[in-house]
Amino acid sequence: MTVTNQATLTDNLEAVLYARELIERNQSVLVLAEDVAPFAMLVNEYGDLVHTVEIGEGADAERAAIILYAHEATDAVDAIIVIDRAAPQSTRQHQSGTPVPN
């Protein structure tokens, strides 16, 4: 399985809604966030289609390394969603490199 969607979103609500949208299209999702508690209901409801990893507030280089590792090492998900409150805006991108409208 190859990651076909990648998103950097600035808030949990937007991320939960986007994750649900992807899951309802039968895509598995990996969520990387400082606080993964808001995704517990999705995990309960959809099981193995949702994976969460808590990432700390560490240095940007450390966070970037974690995200890169997740992107390269996982073959178990279709999409990666990163919650980054410091991002200037939310972005979504399809594997083709084409930005997806928010």
Foldseek 3Di string as FASTA:
>chain_A
DAAFKEKEAQDDVVVLVVLVVCVVVVWAEEEEEQDCVVCVVVCVVPPQSYHYDHDHPDDPVVVVVVVVCCNPVDPSGHYYYYHDNPDPHMWMAGNVRDTDDD
